[in-house]
C-alpha atoms as a PDB file:
ATOM      1  CA  UNK A   1     -65.979 124.793  53.499  1.00  0.00           C
ATOM      2  CA  UNK A   2     -68.890 122.809  51.918  1.00  0.00           C
ATOM      3  CA  UNK A   3     -70.550 126.614  50.974  1.00  0.00           C
ATOM      4  CA  UNK A   4     -66.910 127.648  49.184  1.00  0.00           C
ATOM      5  CA  UNK A   5     -66.994 124.604  47.691  1.00  0.00           C
ATOM      6  CA  UNK A   6     -70.662 125.270  46.428  1.00  0.00           C
ATOM      7  CA  UNK A   7     -69.375 128.304  45.081  1.00  0.00           C
ATOM      8  CA  UNK A   8     -66.212 127.222  43.017  1.00  0.00           C
ATOM      9  CA  UNK A   9     -68.954 124.859  41.019  1.00  0.00           C
ATOM     10  CA  UNK A  10     -71.518 127.806  40.439  1.00  0.00           C
ATOM     11  CA  UNK A  11     -68.975 129.971  39.412  1.00  0.00           C
ATOM     12  CA  UNK A  12     -67.531 127.250  37.341  1.00  0.00           C
ATOM     13  CA  UNK A  13     -70.849 126.709  35.403  1.00  0.00           C
ATOM     14  CA  UNK A  14     -71.155 130.413  35.044  1.00  0.00           C
ATOM     15  CA  UNK A  15     -67.443 130.659  33.077  1.00  0.00           C
ATOM     16  CA  UNK A  16     -68.704 127.691  31.333  1.00  0.00           C
ATOM     17  CA  UNK A  17     -71.821 128.803  30.145  1.00  0.00           C
ATOM     18  CA  UNK A  18     -70.213 131.476  27.886  1.00  0.00           C
ATOM     19  CA  UNK A  19     -67.299 129.875  26.462  1.00  0.00           C
ATOM     20  CA  UNK A  20     -68.167 126.350  26.037  1.00  0.00           C
ATOM     21  CA  UNK A  21     -68.524 127.504  22.548  1.00  0.00           C
ATOM     22  CA  UNK A  22     -65.134 127.292  20.365  1.00  0.00           C
ATOM     23  CA  UNK A  23     -67.239 129.977  17.951  1.00  0.00           C
ATOM     24  CA  UNK A  24     -66.799 132.658  20.980  1.00  0.00           C
ATOM     25  CA  UNK A  25     -63.154 132.128  20.252  1.00  0.00           C
ATOM     26  CA  UNK A  26     -63.472 133.922  17.493  1.00  0.00           C
ATOM     27  CA  UNK A  27     -64.633 137.234  18.790  1.00  0.00           C
ATOM     28  CA  UNK A  28     -61.186 139.186  19.417  1.00  0.00           C
ATOM     29  CA  UNK A  29     -61.458 139.372  23.410  1.00  0.00           C
ATOM     30  CA  UNK A  30     -61.453 135.500  22.957  1.00  0.00           C
ATOM     31  CA  UNK A  31     -59.618 135.042  20.273  1.00  0.00           C
ATOM     32  CA  UNK A  32     -56.611 132.186  21.473  1.00  0.00           C
ATOM     33  CA  UNK A  33     -53.357 134.919  20.231  1.00  0.00           C
ATOM     34  CA  UNK A  34     -50.143 133.634  20.490  1.00  0.00           C
ATOM     35  CA  UNK A  35     -50.535 129.870  19.873  1.00  0.00           C
ATOM     36  CA  UNK A  36     -51.367 129.819  16.481  1.00  0.00           C
ATOM     37  CA  UNK A  37     -50.488 132.410  13.445  1.00  0.00           C
ATOM     38  CA  UNK A  38     -53.881 134.359  12.064  1.00  0.00           C
ATOM     39  CA  UNK A  39     -53.665 132.519   9.347  1.00  0.00           C
ATOM     40  CA  UNK A  40     -53.232 129.377  10.702  1.00  0.00           C
ATOM     41  CA  UNK A  41     -56.246 130.094  12.897  1.00  0.00           C
ATOM     42  CA  UNK A  42     -58.361 131.232  10.326  1.00  0.00           C
ATOM     43  CA  UNK A  43     -57.521 127.831   8.213  1.00  0.00           C
ATOM     44  CA  UNK A  44     -58.287 125.842  11.693  1.00  0.00           C
ATOM     45  CA  UNK A  45     -61.748 127.297  11.498  1.00  0.00           C
ATOM     46  CA  UNK A  46     -62.570 126.887   7.957  1.00  0.00           C
ATOM     47  CA  UNK A  47     -61.463 122.986   8.236  1.00  0.00           C
ATOM     48  CA  UNK A  48     -63.339 122.743  11.709  1.00  0.00           C
ATOM     49  CA  UNK A  49     -66.492 124.657  10.402  1.00  0.00           C
ATOM     50  CA  UNK A  50     -66.574 122.071   7.083  1.00  0.00           C
ATOM     51  CA  UNK A  51     -66.102 119.021   8.889  1.00  0.00           C
ATOM     52  CA  UNK A  52     -68.924 119.445  11.301  1.00  0.00           C
ATOM     53  CA  UNK A  53     -70.912 120.625   9.122  1.00  0.00           C
ATOM     54  CA  UNK A  54     -70.347 117.739   6.748  1.00  0.00           C
ATOM     55  CA  UNK A  55     -70.674 115.666   9.997  1.00  0.00           C
ATOM     56  CA  UNK A  56     -74.002 117.123  11.493  1.00  0.00           C
ATOM     57  CA  UNK A  57     -75.522 117.214   7.355  1.00  0.00           C
ATOM     58  CA  UNK A  58     -75.434 113.468   7.977  1.00  0.00           C
ATOM     59  CA  UNK A  59     -76.631 113.230  11.555  1.00  0.00           C
ATOM     60  CA  UNK A  60     -79.658 115.268  10.401  1.00  0.00           C
ATOM     61  CA  UNK A  61     -80.250 112.611   7.463  1.00  0.00           C
ATOM     62  CA  UNK A  62     -79.698 109.588   9.517  1.00  0.00           C
ATOM     63  CA  UNK A  63     -81.755 110.535  12.363  1.00  0.00           C
ATOM     64  CA  UNK A  64     -84.822 111.383  10.235  1.00  0.00           C
ATOM     65  CA  UNK A  65     -84.139 108.172   8.934  1.00  0.00           C
ATOM     66  CA  UNK A  66     -84.304 106.735  12.209  1.00  0.00           C
ATOM     67  CA  UNK A  67     -87.253 107.897  13.409  1.00  0.00           C
ATOM     68  CA  UNK A  68     -89.550 107.203  10.485  1.00  0.00           C
ATOM     69  CA  UNK A  69     -87.748 103.300  10.967  1.00  0.00           C
ATOM     70  CA  UNK A  70     -88.619 102.801  14.319  1.00  0.00           C
ATOM     71  CA  UNK A  71     -92.151 104.854  13.843  1.00  0.00           C
ATOM     72  CA  UNK A  72     -93.188 102.317  11.418  1.00  0.00           C
ATOM     73  CA  UNK A  73     -91.780  99.373  13.839  1.00  0.00           C
ATOM     74  CA  UNK A  74     -93.797 100.433  16.393  1.00  0.00           C
ATOM     75  CA  UNK A  75     -93.911 101.259  20.174  1.00  0.00           C
ATOM     76  CA  UNK A  76     -94.488  97.696  21.350  1.00  0.00           C
ATOM     77  CA  UNK A  77     -91.038  97.383  23.091  1.00  0.00           C
ATOM     78  CA  UNK A  78     -89.545  99.900  25.354  1.00  0.00           C
ATOM     79  CA  UNK A  79     -86.365  99.740  23.189  1.00  0.00           C
ATOM     80  CA  UNK A  80     -88.324 101.289  20.465  1.00  0.00           C
ATOM     81  CA  UNK A  81     -88.969 103.982  22.205  1.00  0.00           C
ATOM     82  CA  UNK A  82     -86.192 104.596  23.829  1.00  0.00           C
ATOM     83  CA  UNK A  83     -84.446 104.446  20.718  1.00  0.00           C
ATOM     84  CA  UNK A  84     -86.821 106.584  18.580  1.00  0.00           C
ATOM     85  CA  UNK A  85     -86.488 108.971  21.722  1.00  0.00           C
ATOM     86  CA  UNK A  86     -82.574 109.146  21.522  1.00  0.00           C
ATOM     87  CA  UNK A  87     -82.699 110.100  17.357  1.00  0.00           C
ATOM     88  CA  UNK A  88     -85.335 112.303  17.765  1.00  0.00           C
ATOM     89  CA  UNK A  89     -82.284 113.870  21.016  1.00  0.00           C
ATOM     90  CA  UNK A  90     -79.052 113.418  18.217  1.00  0.00           C
ATOM     91  CA  UNK A  91     -81.525 114.823  15.590  1.00  0.00           C
ATOM     92  CA  UNK A  92     -81.527 118.310  17.870  1.00  0.00           C
ATOM     93  CA  UNK A  93     -78.260 117.939  18.885  1.00  0.00           C
ATOM     94  CA  UNK A  94     -76.969 118.138  15.192  1.00  0.00           C
ATOM     95  CA  UNK A  95     -79.166 121.094  14.113  1.00  0.00           C
ATOM     96  CA  UNK A  96     -77.619 123.071  16.650  1.00  0.00           C
ATOM     97  CA  UNK A  97     -74.268 122.033  16.045  1.00  0.00           C
ATOM     98  CA  UNK A  98     -74.713 122.778  12.723  1.00  0.00           C
ATOM     99  CA  UNK A  99     -76.261 126.014  13.394  1.00  0.00           C
ATOM    100  CA  UNK A 100     -73.619 127.076  15.304  1.00  0.00           C
ATOM    101  CA  UNK A 101     -71.118 126.123  12.809  1.00  0.00           C
ATOM    102  CA  UNK A 102     -72.864 128.048  10.335  1.00  0.00           C
ATOM    103  CA  UNK A 103     -73.599 131.126  12.033  1.00  0.00           C
ATOM    104  CA  UNK A 104     -70.368 132.806  12.483  1.00  0.00           C
ATOM    105  CA  UNK A 105     -70.672 133.980   8.929  1.00  0.00           C
ATOM    106  CA  UNK A 106     -73.617 136.379   9.767  1.00  0.00           C
ATOM    107  CA  UNK A 107     -71.126 139.158  11.437  1.00  0.00           C
ATOM    108  CA  UNK A 108     -69.159 139.590   8.173  1.00  0.00           C
ATOM    109  CA  UNK A 109     -71.938 138.855   5.484  1.00  0.00           C
ATOM    110  CA  UNK A 110     -74.992 140.623   6.430  1.00  0.00           C
ATOM    111  CA  UNK A 111     -74.231 144.580   6.046  1.00  0.00           C
ATOM    112  CA  UNK A 112     -75.185 147.035   8.520  1.00  0.00           C
ATOM    113  CA  UNK A 113     -75.826 144.653  10.617  1.00  0.00           C
ATOM    114  CA  UNK A 114     -73.256 144.049  13.218  1.00  0.00           C
ATOM    115  CA  UNK A 115     -74.695 140.175  15.718  1.00  0.00           C
ATOM    116  CA  UNK A 116     -71.584 138.925  17.686  1.00  0.00           C
ATOM    117  CA  UNK A 117     -71.341 135.273  17.538  1.00  0.00           C
ATOM    118  CA  UNK A 118     -70.966 135.455  21.532  1.00  0.00           C
ATOM    119  CA  UNK A 119     -74.498 136.381  21.322  1.00  0.00           C
ATOM    120  CA  UNK A 120     -76.084 133.712  18.975  1.00  0.00           C
ATOM    121  CA  UNK A 121     -74.010 130.872  20.999  1.00  0.00           C
ATOM    122  CA  UNK A 122     -74.868 132.773  24.068  1.00  0.00           C
ATOM    123  CA  UNK A 123     -78.414 132.175  23.140  1.00  0.00           C
ATOM    124  CA  UNK A 124     -78.323 128.802  21.672  1.00  0.00           C
ATOM    125  CA  UNK A 125     -75.672 127.059  24.115  1.00  0.00           C
ATOM    126  CA  UNK A 126     -78.599 126.273  26.996  1.00  0.00           C
ATOM    127  CA  UNK A 127     -81.005 124.623  24.806  1.00  0.00           C
ATOM    128  CA  UNK A 128     -78.411 122.675  23.060  1.00  0.00           C
ATOM    129  CA  UNK A 129     -76.354 122.017  26.160  1.00  0.00           C
ATOM    130  CA  UNK A 130     -80.012 121.030  27.947  1.00  0.00           C
ATOM    131  CA  UNK A 131     -80.856 118.925  24.605  1.00  0.00           C
ATOM    132  CA  UNK A 132     -77.926 117.145  24.867  1.00  0.00           C
ATOM    133  CA  UNK A 133     -78.016 116.092  28.870  1.00  0.00           C
ATOM    134  CA  UNK A 134     -81.586 114.695  27.975  1.00  0.00           C
ATOM    135  CA  UNK A 135     -79.534 112.722  25.398  1.00  0.00           C
ATOM    136  CA  UNK A 136     -77.429 111.432  28.240  1.00  0.00           C
ATOM    137  CA  UNK A 137     -80.432 110.907  29.956  1.00  0.00           C
ATOM    138  CA  UNK A 138     -81.753 108.815  27.446  1.00  0.00           C
ATOM    139  CA  UNK A 139     -78.710 106.616  26.869  1.00  0.00           C
ATOM    140  CA  UNK A 140     -78.520 105.878  30.694  1.00  0.00           C
ATOM    141  CA  UNK A 141     -81.894 104.745  31.010  1.00  0.00           C
ATOM    142  CA  UNK A 142     -81.314 102.055  27.799  1.00  0.00           C
ATOM    143  CA  UNK A 143     -78.133 100.821  29.337  1.00  0.00           C
ATOM    144  CA  UNK A 144     -79.524 100.504  33.213  1.00  0.00           C
ATOM    145  CA  UNK A 145     -82.574  98.959  31.454  1.00  0.00           C
ATOM    146  CA  UNK A 146     -80.343  96.697  29.473  1.00  0.00           C
ATOM    147  CA  UNK A 147     -78.461  95.714  33.002  1.00  0.00           C
ATOM    148  CA  UNK A 148     -81.770  95.142  35.007  1.00  0.00           C
ATOM    149  CA  UNK A 149     -83.299  92.971  31.950  1.00  0.00           C
ATOM    150  CA  UNK A 150     -80.354  90.722  31.587  1.00  0.00           C
ATOM    151  CA  UNK A 151     -79.799  90.919  35.871  1.00  0.00           C
ATOM    152  CA  UNK A 152     -83.611  90.570  37.016  1.00  0.00           C
ATOM    153  CA  UNK A 153     -85.654  89.502  33.298  1.00  0.00           C
ATOM    154  CA  UNK A 154     -88.659  88.859  35.005  1.00  0.00           C
ATOM    155  CA  UNK A 155     -88.776  92.098  37.325  1.00  0.00           C
ATOM    156  CA  UNK A 156     -87.310  93.992  34.580  1.00  0.00           C
ATOM    157  CA  UNK A 157     -90.623  93.574  33.114  1.00  0.00           C
ATOM    158  CA  UNK A 158     -92.677  94.993  35.430  1.00  0.00           C
ATOM    159  CA  UNK A 159     -90.148  98.412  35.980  1.00  0.00           C
ATOM    160  CA  UNK A 160     -89.681  98.862  32.352  1.00  0.00           C
ATOM    161  CA  UNK A 161     -93.402  98.699  30.861  1.00  0.00           C
ATOM    162  CA  UNK A 162     -94.490 101.433  27.499  1.00  0.00           C
ATOM    163  CA  UNK A 163     -96.261 103.513  30.402  1.00  0.00           C
ATOM    164  CA  UNK A 164     -93.246 103.586  32.550  1.00  0.00           C
ATOM    165  CA  UNK A 165     -91.072 104.248  29.701  1.00  0.00           C
ATOM    166  CA  UNK A 166     -92.803 106.994  28.359  1.00  0.00           C
ATOM    167  CA  UNK A 167     -94.011 108.702  31.662  1.00  0.00           C
ATOM    168  CA  UNK A 168     -89.510 108.689  32.462  1.00  0.00           C
ATOM    169  CA  UNK A 169     -89.133 110.407  29.456  1.00  0.00           C
ATOM    170  CA  UNK A 170     -91.452 113.111  29.694  1.00  0.00           C
ATOM    171  CA  UNK A 171     -90.302 113.491  32.893  1.00  0.00           C
ATOM    172  CA  UNK A 172     -86.971 114.319  31.552  1.00  0.00           C
ATOM    173  CA  UNK A 173     -88.352 116.607  29.443  1.00  0.00           C
ATOM    174  CA  UNK A 174     -90.251 118.703  31.375  1.00  0.00           C
ATOM    175  CA  UNK A 175     -86.966 118.359  34.172  1.00  0.00           C
ATOM    176  CA  UNK A 176     -84.842 120.383  31.174  1.00  0.00           C
ATOM    177  CA  UNK A 177     -87.853 122.912  29.913  1.00  0.00           C
ATOM    178  CA  UNK A 178     -88.498 123.664  33.697  1.00  0.00           C
ATOM    179  CA  UNK A 179     -85.100 124.718  33.941  1.00  0.00           C
ATOM    180  CA  UNK A 180     -84.610 127.083  31.182  1.00  0.00           C
ATOM    181  CA  UNK A 181     -87.526 128.954  31.503  1.00  0.00           C
ATOM    182  CA  UNK A 182     -86.030 131.296  34.047  1.00  0.00           C
ATOM    183  CA  UNK A 183     -83.108 131.244  31.720  1.00  0.00           C
ATOM    184  CA  UNK A 184     -84.702 132.741  28.635  1.00  0.00           C
ATOM    185  CA  UNK A 185     -87.446 134.381  30.460  1.00  0.00           C
ATOM    186  CA  UNK A 186     -84.397 136.955  32.103  1.00  0.00           C
ATOM    187  CA  UNK A 187     -82.904 137.625  28.614  1.00  0.00           C
ATOM    188  CA  UNK A 188     -83.522 140.392  26.610  1.00  0.00           C
ATOM    189  CA  UNK A 189     -81.955 141.372  22.945  1.00  0.00           C
ATOM    190  CA  UNK A 190     -81.073 144.929  22.399  1.00  0.00           C
ATOM    191  CA  UNK A 191     -80.341 147.078  19.867  1.00  0.00           C
ATOM    192  CA  UNK A 192     -78.223 149.758  19.342  1.00  0.00           C
ATOM    193  CA  UNK A 193     -77.348 152.028  16.108  1.00  0.00           C
ATOM    194  CA  UNK A 194     -73.934 153.771  15.793  1.00  0.00           C
ATOM    195  CA  UNK A 195     -74.615 157.311  14.857  1.00  0.00           C
ATOM    196  CA  UNK A 196     -71.054 157.046  13.132  1.00  0.00           C
ATOM    197  CA  UNK A 197     -70.976 154.392  10.649  1.00  0.00           C
ATOM    198  CA  UNK A 198     -75.124 153.614  11.076  1.00  0.00           C
ATOM    199  CA  UNK A 199     -74.531 150.097  12.091  1.00  0.00           C
ATOM    200  CA  UNK A 200     -76.859 148.244  14.277  1.00  0.00           C
ATOM    201  CA  UNK A 201     -75.330 146.387  17.100  1.00  0.00           C
ATOM    202  CA  UNK A 202     -77.280 143.431  19.085  1.00  0.00           C
ATOM    203  CA  UNK A 203     -76.861 141.972  21.957  1.00  0.00           C
ATOM    204  CA  UNK A 204     -78.122 140.699  24.916  1.00  0.00           C
ATOM    205  CA  UNK A 205     -78.789 141.666  28.406  1.00  0.00           C
ATOM    206  CA  UNK A 206     -79.801 139.609  31.936  1.00  0.00           C
ATOM    207  CA  UNK A 207     -83.025 141.343  34.284  1.00  0.00           C
ATOM    208  CA  UNK A 208     -83.597 140.206  37.005  1.00  0.00           C
ATOM    209  CA  UNK A 209     -81.426 137.119  37.119  1.00  0.00           C
ATOM    210  CA  UNK A 210     -77.789 136.951  37.810  1.00  0.00           C
ATOM    211  CA  UNK A 211     -75.151 134.823  36.827  1.00  0.00           C
ATOM    212  CA  UNK A 212     -74.309 133.291  39.633  1.00  0.00           C
ATOM    213  CA  UNK A 213     -78.168 132.168  39.276  1.00  0.00           C
ATOM    214  CA  UNK A 214     -77.734 130.885  35.685  1.00  0.00           C
ATOM    215  CA  UNK A 215     -74.877 129.007  37.088  1.00  0.00           C
ATOM    216  CA  UNK A 216     -76.739 127.241  39.362  1.00  0.00           C
ATOM    217  CA  UNK A 217     -79.757 126.367  36.868  1.00  0.00           C
ATOM    218  CA  UNK A 218     -76.549 124.987  34.417  1.00  0.00           C
ATOM    219  CA  UNK A 219     -75.137 122.737  36.895  1.00  0.00           C
ATOM    220  CA  UNK A 220     -78.610 121.597  37.978  1.00  0.00           C
ATOM    221  CA  UNK A 221     -79.570 121.047  34.447  1.00  0.00           C
ATOM    222  CA  UNK A 222     -76.529 119.830  32.657  1.00  0.00           C
ATOM    223  CA  UNK A 223     -73.347 119.798  34.462  1.00  0.00           C
ATOM    224  CA  UNK A 224     -74.715 116.994  37.194  1.00  0.00           C
ATOM    225  CA  UNK A 225     -77.310 114.779  34.828  1.00  0.00           C
ATOM    226  CA  UNK A 226     -74.526 114.533  32.484  1.00  0.00           C
ATOM    227  CA  UNK A 227     -71.840 113.420  35.358  1.00  0.00           C
ATOM    228  CA  UNK A 228     -73.876 110.794  36.546  1.00  0.00           C
ATOM    229  CA  UNK A 229     -75.259 109.831  32.992  1.00  0.00           C
ATOM    230  CA  UNK A 230     -71.968 109.588  32.048  1.00  0.00           C
ATOM    231  CA  UNK A 231     -70.682 107.044  34.954  1.00  0.00           C
ATOM    232  CA  UNK A 232     -73.633 105.714  35.095  1.00  0.00           C
ATOM    233  CA  UNK A 233     -73.113 104.433  31.152  1.00  0.00           C
ATOM    234  CA  UNK A 234     -69.791 103.402  32.090  1.00  0.00           C
ATOM    235  CA  UNK A 235     -70.429 101.281  34.570  1.00  0.00           C
ATOM    236  CA  UNK A 236     -73.347  99.555  32.828  1.00  0.00           C
ATOM    237  CA  UNK A 237     -71.434  99.305  29.570  1.00  0.00           C
ATOM    238  CA  UNK A 238     -68.993  97.196  31.877  1.00  0.00           C
ATOM    239  CA  UNK A 239     -71.880  94.975  33.338  1.00  0.00           C
ATOM    240  CA  UNK A 240     -72.816  94.206  29.606  1.00  0.00           C
ATOM    241  CA  UNK A 241     -69.615  93.481  28.091  1.00  0.00           C
ATOM    242  CA  UNK A 242     -69.349  90.530  31.179  1.00  0.00           C
ATOM    243  CA  UNK A 243     -72.606  89.296  30.681  1.00  0.00           C
ATOM    244  CA  UNK A 244     -72.553  89.684  26.901  1.00  0.00           C
ATOM    245  CA  UNK A 245     -68.886  86.942  27.321  1.00  0.00           C
ATOM    246  CA  UNK A 246     -71.140  84.922  29.503  1.00  0.00           C
ATOM    247  CA  UNK A 247     -73.762  84.673  27.489  1.00  0.00           C
ATOM    248  CA  UNK A 248     -71.710  83.719  24.231  1.00  0.00           C
ATOM    249  CA  UNK A 249     -70.143  80.899  26.577  1.00  0.00           C
ATOM    250  CA  UNK A 250     -73.698  79.683  27.754  1.00  0.00           C
ATOM    251  CA  UNK A 251     -75.138  79.787  23.967  1.00  0.00           C
ATOM    252  CA  UNK A 252     -72.406  77.007  23.355  1.00  0.00           C
ATOM    253  CA  UNK A 253     -73.480  74.356  25.425  1.00  0.00           C
ATOM    254  CA  UNK A 254     -77.409  75.044  23.945  1.00  0.00           C
ATOM    255  CA  UNK A 255     -79.018  72.878  21.308  1.00  0.00           C
ATOM    256  CA  UNK A 256     -78.971  74.902  17.671  1.00  0.00           C
ATOM    257  CA  UNK A 257     -82.970  76.267  17.170  1.00  0.00           C
ATOM    258  CA  UNK A 258     -84.273  75.004  20.533  1.00  0.00           C
ATOM    259  CA  UNK A 259     -86.601  78.128  22.414  1.00  0.00           C
ATOM    260  CA  UNK A 260     -83.955  78.734  24.782  1.00  0.00           C
ATOM    261  CA  UNK A 261     -81.093  78.988  21.893  1.00  0.00           C
ATOM    262  CA  UNK A 262     -83.595  81.533  20.074  1.00  0.00           C
ATOM    263  CA  UNK A 263     -84.634  83.741  22.979  1.00  0.00           C
ATOM    264  CA  UNK A 264     -80.743  84.575  23.850  1.00  0.00           C
ATOM    265  CA  UNK A 265     -79.802  85.083  20.383  1.00  0.00           C
ATOM    266  CA  UNK A 266     -82.368  87.906  20.551  1.00  0.00           C
ATOM    267  CA  UNK A 267     -81.296  89.181  23.637  1.00  0.00           C
ATOM    268  CA  UNK A 268     -77.766  88.886  22.933  1.00  0.00           C
ATOM    269  CA  UNK A 269     -78.464  91.478  19.907  1.00  0.00           C
ATOM    270  CA  UNK A 270     -80.512  93.640  21.819  1.00  0.00           C
ATOM    271  CA  UNK A 271     -77.192  94.106  24.197  1.00  0.00           C
ATOM    272  CA  UNK A 272     -74.616  94.496  21.448  1.00  0.00           C
ATOM    273  CA  UNK A 273     -76.650  97.551  20.149  1.00  0.00           C
ATOM    274  CA  UNK A 274     -77.100  98.889  23.902  1.00  0.00           C
ATOM    275  CA  UNK A 275     -72.990  98.014  24.002  1.00  0.00           C
ATOM    276  CA  UNK A 276     -72.334  99.662  20.716  1.00  0.00           C
ATOM    277  CA  UNK A 277     -74.470 102.980  21.400  1.00  0.00           C
ATOM    278  CA  UNK A 278     -72.973 103.212  24.798  1.00  0.00           C
ATOM    279  CA  UNK A 279     -69.841 102.994  24.303  1.00  0.00           C
ATOM    280  CA  UNK A 280     -69.862 105.250  20.995  1.00  0.00           C
ATOM    281  CA  UNK A 281     -71.288 108.086  24.088  1.00  0.00           C
ATOM    282  CA  UNK A 282     -68.605 107.435  26.091  1.00  0.00           C
ATOM    283  CA  UNK A 283     -65.854 107.974  23.559  1.00  0.00           C
ATOM    284  CA  UNK A 284     -67.945 111.110  22.112  1.00  0.00           C
ATOM    285  CA  UNK A 285     -68.511 112.781  25.252  1.00  0.00           C
ATOM    286  CA  UNK A 286     -64.962 111.975  26.992  1.00  0.00           C
ATOM    287  CA  UNK A 287     -63.517 115.157  25.679  1.00  0.00           C
ATOM    288  CA  UNK A 288     -66.838 117.460  26.912  1.00  0.00           C
ATOM    289  CA  UNK A 289     -66.247 115.645  30.520  1.00  0.00           C
ATOM    290  CA  UNK A 290     -62.528 115.978  30.600  1.00  0.00           C
ATOM    291  CA  UNK A 291     -62.662 119.769  29.693  1.00  0.00           C
ATOM    292  CA  UNK A 292     -65.294 120.607  32.441  1.00  0.00           C
ATOM    293  CA  UNK A 293     -63.810 118.345  34.999  1.00  0.00           C
ATOM    294  CA  UNK A 294     -60.198 119.625  34.374  1.00  0.00           C
ATOM    295  CA  UNK A 295     -61.866 123.260  34.560  1.00  0.00           C
ATOM    296  CA  UNK A 296     -63.338 121.813  37.993  1.00  0.00           C
ATOM    297  CA  UNK A 297     -60.094 120.908  39.281  1.00  0.00           C
ATOM    298  CA  UNK A 298     -57.903 124.002  37.810  1.00  0.00           C
ATOM    299  CA  UNK A 299     -59.999 126.556  37.501  1.00  0.00           C
ATOM    300  CA  UNK A 300     -57.669 128.470  34.986  1.00  0.00           C
ATOM    301  CA  UNK A 301     -58.140 126.170  32.755  1.00  0.00           C
ATOM    302  CA  UNK A 302     -59.602 127.617  29.869  1.00  0.00           C
ATOM    303  CA  UNK A 303     -58.886 129.345  26.563  1.00  0.00           C
ATOM    304  CA  UNK A 304     -58.264 132.529  27.559  1.00  0.00           C
ATOM    305  CA  UNK A 305     -55.688 131.509  29.982  1.00  0.00           C
ATOM    306  CA  UNK A 306     -51.960 131.993  28.459  1.00  0.00           C
ATOM    307  CA  UNK A 307     -50.078 128.319  29.662  1.00  0.00           C
ATOM    308  CA  UNK A 308     -53.342 126.167  29.176  1.00  0.00           C
ATOM    309  CA  UNK A 309     -54.740 128.195  26.344  1.00  0.00           C
ATOM    310  CA  UNK A 310     -53.516 125.309  23.727  1.00  0.00           C
ATOM    311  CA  UNK A 311     -54.543 122.628  25.511  1.00  0.00           C
ATOM    312  CA  UNK A 312     -58.245 123.863  26.127  1.00  0.00           C
ATOM    313  CA  UNK A 313     -58.437 125.117  22.656  1.00  0.00           C
ATOM    314  CA  UNK A 314     -57.815 121.330  21.115  1.00  0.00           C
ATOM    315  CA  UNK A 315     -60.384 119.976  23.797  1.00  0.00           C
ATOM    316  CA  UNK A 316     -63.104 121.970  23.234  1.00  0.00           C
ATOM    317  CA  UNK A 317     -62.824 121.423  18.926  1.00  0.00           C
ATOM    318  CA  UNK A 318     -62.435 118.031  19.548  1.00  0.00           C
ATOM    319  CA  UNK A 319     -65.227 117.769  22.011  1.00  0.00           C
ATOM    320  CA  UNK A 320     -67.541 119.299  19.506  1.00  0.00           C
ATOM    321  CA  UNK A 321     -66.298 117.276  16.425  1.00  0.00           C
ATOM    322  CA  UNK A 322     -66.911 113.960  18.653  1.00  0.00           C
ATOM    323  CA  UNK A 323     -70.064 115.151  20.036  1.00  0.00           C
ATOM    324  CA  UNK A 324     -71.077 115.380  16.241  1.00  0.00           C
ATOM    325  CA  UNK A 325     -70.151 112.288  15.255  1.00  0.00           C
ATOM    326  CA  UNK A 326     -71.811 110.830  18.525  1.00  0.00           C
ATOM    327  CA  UNK A 327     -74.849 112.385  16.954  1.00  0.00           C
ATOM    328  CA  UNK A 328     -74.558 110.642  13.706  1.00  0.00           C
ATOM    329  CA  UNK A 329     -73.240 107.277  13.533  1.00  0.00           C
ATOM    330  CA  UNK A 330     -75.739 105.206  15.545  1.00  0.00           C
ATOM    331  CA  UNK A 331     -77.607 104.806  11.707  1.00  0.00           C
ATOM    332  CA  UNK A 332     -74.577 102.040  11.376  1.00  0.00           C
ATOM    333  CA  UNK A 333     -74.797 100.073  14.703  1.00  0.00           C
ATOM    334  CA  UNK A 334     -78.475  99.632  13.546  1.00  0.00           C
ATOM    335  CA  UNK A 335     -78.160  98.317  10.138  1.00  0.00           C
ATOM    336  CA  UNK A 336     -74.785  96.133  11.535  1.00  0.00           C
ATOM    337  CA  UNK A 337     -76.457  94.572  14.247  1.00  0.00           C
ATOM    338  CA  UNK A 338     -80.851  95.127  13.838  1.00  0.00           C
ATOM    339  CA  UNK A 339     -82.007  92.378  11.050  1.00  0.00           C
ATOM    340  CA  UNK A 340     -85.297  93.996  11.962  1.00  0.00           C
ATOM    341  CA  UNK A 341     -83.956  97.502  11.493  1.00  0.00           C
ATOM    342  CA  UNK A 342     -82.445  96.580   8.025  1.00  0.00           C
ATOM    343  CA  UNK A 343     -85.740  94.904   6.777  1.00  0.00           C
ATOM    344  CA  UNK A 344     -87.586  98.288   7.625  1.00  0.00           C
ATOM    345  CA  UNK A 345     -85.412 100.401   5.954  1.00  0.00           C
ATOM    346  CA  UNK A 346     -84.724  98.568   3.228  1.00  0.00           C
ATOM    347  CA  UNK A 347     -88.943  97.958   2.964  1.00  0.00           C
ATOM    348  CA  UNK A 348     -88.947 102.269   3.221  1.00  0.00           C
ATOM    349  CA  UNK A 349     -87.214 102.454   0.331  1.00  0.00           C
ATOM    350  CA  UNK A 350     -88.625  99.534  -1.699  1.00  0.00           C
ATOM    351  CA  UNK A 351     -91.828 100.263  -1.303  1.00  0.00           C
END
């Protein structure tokens, strides 16, 4: 029984690997015929591409600023190290999402070269979802660190040092890269020229690794970490909200300007930043997690199924759009809640 369940998970990951990109549906075999007219379908795609492109361009600019600011602020605290890494992860996700949104034009605009959208998204998907999983790791680490700091402040200083935080981040990167290597080592890009219309078609093939093996790697590198991080962040955020309310009540009884009051204010600001970042992550990742969880419970839930395709299509578009938003809006949280961040970015533009 357990073996059958495991095989079902691997099979689900295989299907999700090839169907997770919304632009794979642009190909003839994946186009959701029936629930949208041809004209409405194209209008929706153009609007989606334009919206996501604008959001992701904003995300690239915002995360470049975030990385510069935290670099200038220095890495004297574990919070700065983690937030710099999160900005780097968000930058890479915005870059991949923008690339996927723009790659659709290659098929129609490059003459004498037929490059299937599925080939591009298929090649980009492993990297994109690995980076996405890495971002989940980092966000979960920030949430857990802040929870421990609130509950056990003395032990947190011993557990979460600059060295341990840096080592943990490097370990996450090595973990994701190690699982990407066998996937890409077995991809082969082939070109076939047509003798009829002289058009070259580019496609991919697998060598020694099977789709089932890729599904297992996919499950270990993305699915499992994302689910664990998602629920860890959700629980951590709930605990931080409860602690924040208790802190607000306790602060009201302290003398203004006292050392305890100043330290409490500093901790409260950090907690608020973490709560906001975590809340945005939860809200924006919920559609993707919902899609994957539903696919696990209902294996026929995908964009090709005549019964579920409308809902699946809607969740996919929403998921990619919300993920673009998640990678772009943290800068507004920092500007609103972090005085040091605001001072650094003002100095950056005025110096």
